[in-house]
Amino acid sequence: FVIVLSHLNSIDEAIEVAEKLLLQFKESIKLGSNIFYVSTSIGIAYTESATEKSDDLVSHADIAMYEAKDNGGSQYHVYHPEMFQRVAHRVMLEGEVRQALARQQCSLSFQPQICAKTQKLYGFEALLRWRHPERGMISPEDFIPILENSQHMIELGYWIIRRCFETAVEIKKYGLEDVRIAINLSAGQFIDTNLPSFLKDLLVEFSLTAQTFELELT
């Protein structure tokens, strides 16, 4: 929904309207015998320029609204240019992530897990890493959320699982028989109907037991 406010004297008047809307939507909504609670996110774009295009204002408000959603919702955010830069950066990363998968720029790091009580090695957690050819290591906080919401995540997830099985075999060669490898699964992969049979086939192929792995839902 778009609300157009004309003849404003300042941004504060738009914020006042947004606060009233948020307060109104905190009230429960009753439909028949059911009660619903609605989360509301509002983006505000304000201008005093007579040449500002309406499409740009709506676009800016939309960006600010998603900023409010990303910060938990039930709030308003006022648009500022830095928000556009973040969106542009995200779009650029989405394209580069696809290229990274095709060019096999992704790898796995294995982080040791230590039992706090015994101080002994419990296992390893498999962590996805991306080394960009120009910018070096890209933070997982930047690219993992993009991957988890893309069609490539399931395909990449199966590559990660197979790589973990290969690593488990290598680890056992060092005499570490009881350690486990924790594998993170995206929600999309978790509900993929091919996952159980894929795991069973790998257990047979690599002669490993299911106790060698832990599956973690991100």
Protein backbone atom coordinates (compact mmCIF):
# COMPACT_ATOMS: atom_id res chain seq x y z
CA PHE A 1 0.00 0.00 0.00
CA VAL A 2 1.18 3.51 -0.81
CA ILE A 3 0.15 6.58 1.15
CA VAL A 4 0.76 9.92 -0.55
CA LEU A 5 1.11 12.88 1.79
CA SER A 6 1.16 16.27 0.14
CA HIS A 7 1.62 19.76 1.64
CA LEU A 8 3.98 18.53 4.36
CA ASN A 9 6.12 21.07 6.14
CA SER A 10 8.73 18.55 7.33
CA ILE A 11 9.65 14.87 7.49
CA ASP A 12 8.42 14.85 11.08
CA GLU A 13 4.82 15.09 9.87
CA ALA A 14 5.27 11.95 7.74
CA ILE A 15 6.84 10.15 10.71
CA GLU A 16 3.86 11.13 12.84
CA VAL A 17 1.52 9.44 10.35
CA ALA A 18 3.72 6.33 10.26
CA GLU A 19 3.69 6.07 14.05
CA LYS A 20 -0.11 6.29 14.10
CA LEU A 21 -0.33 3.50 11.51
CA LEU A 22 2.02 1.25 13.48
CA LEU A 23 -0.01 1.85 16.63
CA GLN A 24 -3.25 1.05 14.81
CA PHE A 25 -1.93 -2.25 13.44
CA LYS A 26 -0.82 -3.41 16.87
CA GLU A 27 -4.50 -4.09 17.55
CA SER A 28 -5.54 -7.67 16.84
CA ILE A 29 -7.77 -8.43 13.85
CA LYS A 30 -10.72 -10.75 14.39
CA LEU A 31 -12.07 -12.79 11.49
CA GLY A 32 -14.93 -15.03 12.60
CA SER A 33 -13.63 -16.97 15.59
CA ASN A 34 -9.96 -16.41 14.68
CA ILE A 35 -7.69 -13.65 15.97
CA PHE A 36 -4.72 -12.47 13.89
CA TYR A 37 -1.81 -10.20 14.69
CA VAL A 38 -0.27 -8.31 11.79
CA SER A 39 3.31 -7.07 11.50
CA THR A 40 3.64 -3.75 9.67
CA SER A 41 6.75 -2.34 8.02
CA ILE A 42 6.77 1.21 6.65
CA GLY A 43 9.24 2.97 4.40
CA ILE A 44 9.20 6.75 4.15
CA ALA A 45 10.55 8.77 1.24
CA TYR A 46 10.44 12.57 1.60
CA THR A 47 11.39 15.32 -0.81
CA GLU A 48 11.03 19.07 -1.16
CA SER A 49 12.10 19.02 -4.80
CA ALA A 50 9.50 19.89 -7.43
CA THR A 51 11.37 17.85 -10.03
CA GLU A 52 11.47 14.57 -8.07
CA LYS A 53 9.76 11.81 -10.03
CA SER A 54 6.93 9.93 -8.36
CA ASP A 55 8.40 6.59 -9.49
CA ASP A 56 11.66 7.42 -7.71
CA LEU A 57 9.81 8.33 -4.52
CA VAL A 58 7.89 5.05 -4.55
CA SER A 59 11.11 3.12 -5.25
CA HIS A 60 12.89 4.85 -2.36
CA ALA A 61 9.99 4.19 0.00
CA ASP A 62 10.05 0.54 -1.07
CA ILE A 63 13.77 0.25 -0.29
CA ALA A 64 13.22 1.84 3.12
CA MET A 65 10.32 -0.52 3.81
CA TYR A 66 12.52 -3.58 3.19
CA GLU A 67 15.14 -2.05 5.48
CA ALA A 68 12.43 -1.92 8.17
CA LYS A 69 11.50 -5.55 7.48
CA ASP A 70 15.12 -6.69 7.63
CA ASN A 71 15.43 -5.07 11.06
CA GLY A 72 12.54 -7.07 12.50
CA GLY A 73 9.45 -5.31 11.19
CA SER A 74 6.79 -3.39 13.12
CA GLN A 75 8.71 -0.17 12.55
CA TYR A 76 9.33 2.59 10.03
CA HIS A 77 12.52 3.60 8.27
CA VAL A 78 13.23 6.85 6.46
CA TYR A 79 15.02 6.48 3.12
CA HIS A 80 18.57 7.74 2.77
CA PRO A 81 21.07 7.22 -0.09
CA GLU A 82 23.14 4.66 1.85
CA MET A 83 20.18 2.27 1.62
CA PHE A 84 20.35 2.39 -2.17
CA GLN A 85 24.06 1.59 -2.04
CA ARG A 86 23.33 -1.50 0.08
CA VAL A 87 20.69 -2.67 -2.40
CA ALA A 88 23.06 -2.08 -5.33
CA HIS A 89 25.79 -4.00 -3.49
CA ARG A 90 23.41 -6.89 -2.87
CA VAL A 91 22.34 -7.04 -6.52
CA MET A 92 25.99 -7.03 -7.59
CA LEU A 93 26.78 -9.83 -5.13
CA GLU A 94 23.88 -11.93 -6.41
CA GLY A 95 25.36 -11.86 -9.90
CA GLU A 96 28.87 -12.59 -8.65
CA VAL A 97 27.68 -15.49 -6.46
CA ARG A 98 26.28 -17.19 -9.55
CA GLN A 99 29.62 -16.75 -11.32
CA ALA A 100 31.49 -18.02 -8.24
CA LEU A 101 29.50 -21.26 -8.31
CA ALA A 102 30.10 -21.75 -12.02
CA ARG A 103 33.83 -21.02 -11.68
CA GLN A 104 34.22 -23.16 -8.54
CA GLN A 105 35.49 -20.31 -6.36
CA CYS A 106 33.79 -21.79 -3.26
CA SER A 107 35.55 -24.05 -0.78
CA LEU A 108 35.01 -25.55 2.67
CA SER A 109 36.78 -24.81 5.92
CA PHE A 110 36.46 -27.20 8.84
CA GLN A 111 36.18 -25.58 12.25
CA PRO A 112 37.10 -27.85 15.19
CA GLN A 113 34.48 -28.47 17.89
CA ILE A 114 35.88 -29.14 21.37
CA CYS A 115 33.96 -30.79 24.23
CA ALA A 116 34.03 -28.24 27.07
CA LYS A 117 33.93 -30.93 29.75
CA THR A 118 36.71 -33.20 28.50
CA GLN A 119 38.64 -30.74 26.30
CA LYS A 120 38.71 -33.45 23.63
CA LEU A 121 38.01 -33.00 19.93
CA TYR A 122 34.32 -33.68 19.32
CA GLY A 123 34.14 -32.98 15.62
CA PHE A 124 34.24 -30.35 12.89
CA GLU A 125 31.71 -27.94 11.44
CA ALA A 126 31.86 -27.51 7.67
CA LEU A 127 31.82 -23.81 6.77
CA LEU A 128 31.40 -22.48 3.24
CA ARG A 129 34.00 -19.96 2.07
CA TRP A 130 34.21 -17.80 -1.04
CA ARG A 131 37.51 -16.40 -2.30
CA HIS A 132 36.81 -13.67 -4.83
CA PRO A 133 39.56 -13.39 -7.50
CA GLU A 134 39.81 -9.61 -7.00
CA ARG A 135 38.45 -8.85 -3.50
CA GLY A 136 39.77 -11.89 -1.65
CA MET A 137 37.68 -13.62 1.01
CA ILE A 138 34.03 -12.50 1.02
CA SER A 139 32.30 -12.52 4.40
CA PRO A 140 29.72 -15.33 4.78
CA GLU A 141 27.36 -12.71 6.24
CA ASP A 142 27.30 -11.09 2.80
CA PHE A 143 26.78 -14.08 0.53
CA ILE A 144 25.13 -16.86 2.59
CA PRO A 145 21.75 -15.03 2.87
CA ILE A 146 21.80 -14.50 -0.90
CA LEU A 147 22.53 -18.17 -1.53
CA GLU A 148 19.90 -19.42 0.90
CA ASN A 149 17.22 -17.59 -1.06
CA SER A 150 18.42 -18.71 -4.48
CA GLN A 151 17.82 -21.74 -6.66
CA HIS A 152 21.53 -22.54 -6.51
CA MET A 153 21.57 -23.37 -2.80
CA ILE A 154 20.28 -26.93 -3.16
CA GLU A 155 22.78 -27.76 -5.90
CA LEU A 156 25.61 -26.24 -3.88
CA GLY A 157 24.34 -27.99 -0.74
CA TYR A 158 24.75 -31.39 -2.36
CA TRP A 159 28.29 -30.49 -3.37
CA ILE A 160 28.99 -29.52 0.26
CA ILE A 161 27.57 -32.80 1.58
CA ARG A 162 29.66 -34.91 -0.82
CA ARG A 163 32.76 -32.90 0.06
CA CYS A 164 32.08 -33.57 3.76
CA PHE A 165 31.87 -37.31 3.11
CA GLU A 166 35.20 -37.19 1.27
CA THR A 167 36.73 -35.27 4.18
CA ALA A 168 35.33 -37.73 6.73
CA VAL A 169 37.22 -40.53 5.00
CA GLU A 170 40.43 -38.47 5.07
CA ILE A 171 39.99 -37.66 8.77
CA LYS A 172 39.68 -41.35 9.67
CA LYS A 173 43.06 -41.99 8.06
CA TYR A 174 44.56 -39.90 10.88
CA GLY A 175 43.03 -42.22 13.49
CA LEU A 176 40.15 -39.92 14.42
CA GLU A 177 37.38 -42.51 14.42
CA ASP A 178 34.81 -40.93 16.74
CA VAL A 179 34.68 -37.37 15.46
CA ARG A 180 31.64 -36.03 13.64
CA ILE A 181 31.19 -33.52 10.86
CA ALA A 182 28.37 -31.00 11.23
CA ILE A 183 26.75 -29.96 7.94
CA ASN A 184 24.50 -26.93 7.66
CA LEU A 185 21.34 -27.45 5.61
CA SER A 186 19.26 -24.65 4.13
CA ALA A 187 15.50 -24.85 4.63
CA GLY A 188 15.04 -25.59 0.93
CA GLN A 189 17.43 -28.52 1.07
CA PHE A 190 15.91 -29.82 4.28
CA ILE A 191 12.54 -30.32 2.55
CA ASP A 192 14.01 -31.57 -0.73
CA THR A 193 12.60 -35.05 -1.40
CA ASN A 194 15.94 -36.27 -2.82
CA LEU A 195 17.88 -35.62 0.39
CA PRO A 196 17.25 -38.95 2.25
CA SER A 197 18.15 -41.15 -0.73
CA PHE A 198 21.18 -38.96 -1.52
CA LEU A 199 22.50 -39.39 2.02
CA LYS A 200 21.85 -43.14 2.03
CA ASP A 201 23.68 -43.59 -1.27
CA LEU A 202 26.69 -41.65 0.04
CA LEU A 203 26.83 -43.73 3.22
CA VAL A 204 27.06 -46.85 1.08
CA GLU A 205 29.53 -45.33 -1.41
CA PHE A 206 31.96 -44.14 1.30
CA SER A 207 31.33 -47.03 3.75
CA LEU A 208 30.44 -44.61 6.58
CA THR A 209 27.83 -44.71 9.32
CA ALA A 210 25.21 -42.01 9.84
CA GLN A 211 26.71 -41.28 13.28
CA THR A 212 29.65 -39.68 11.47
CA PHE A 213 27.52 -36.65 10.60
CA GLU A 214 25.25 -34.10 12.20
CA LEU A 215 22.78 -32.11 10.11
CA GLU A 216 22.09 -28.59 11.28
CA LEU A 217 19.17 -26.51 10.02
CA THR A 218 20.30 -22.92 9.49
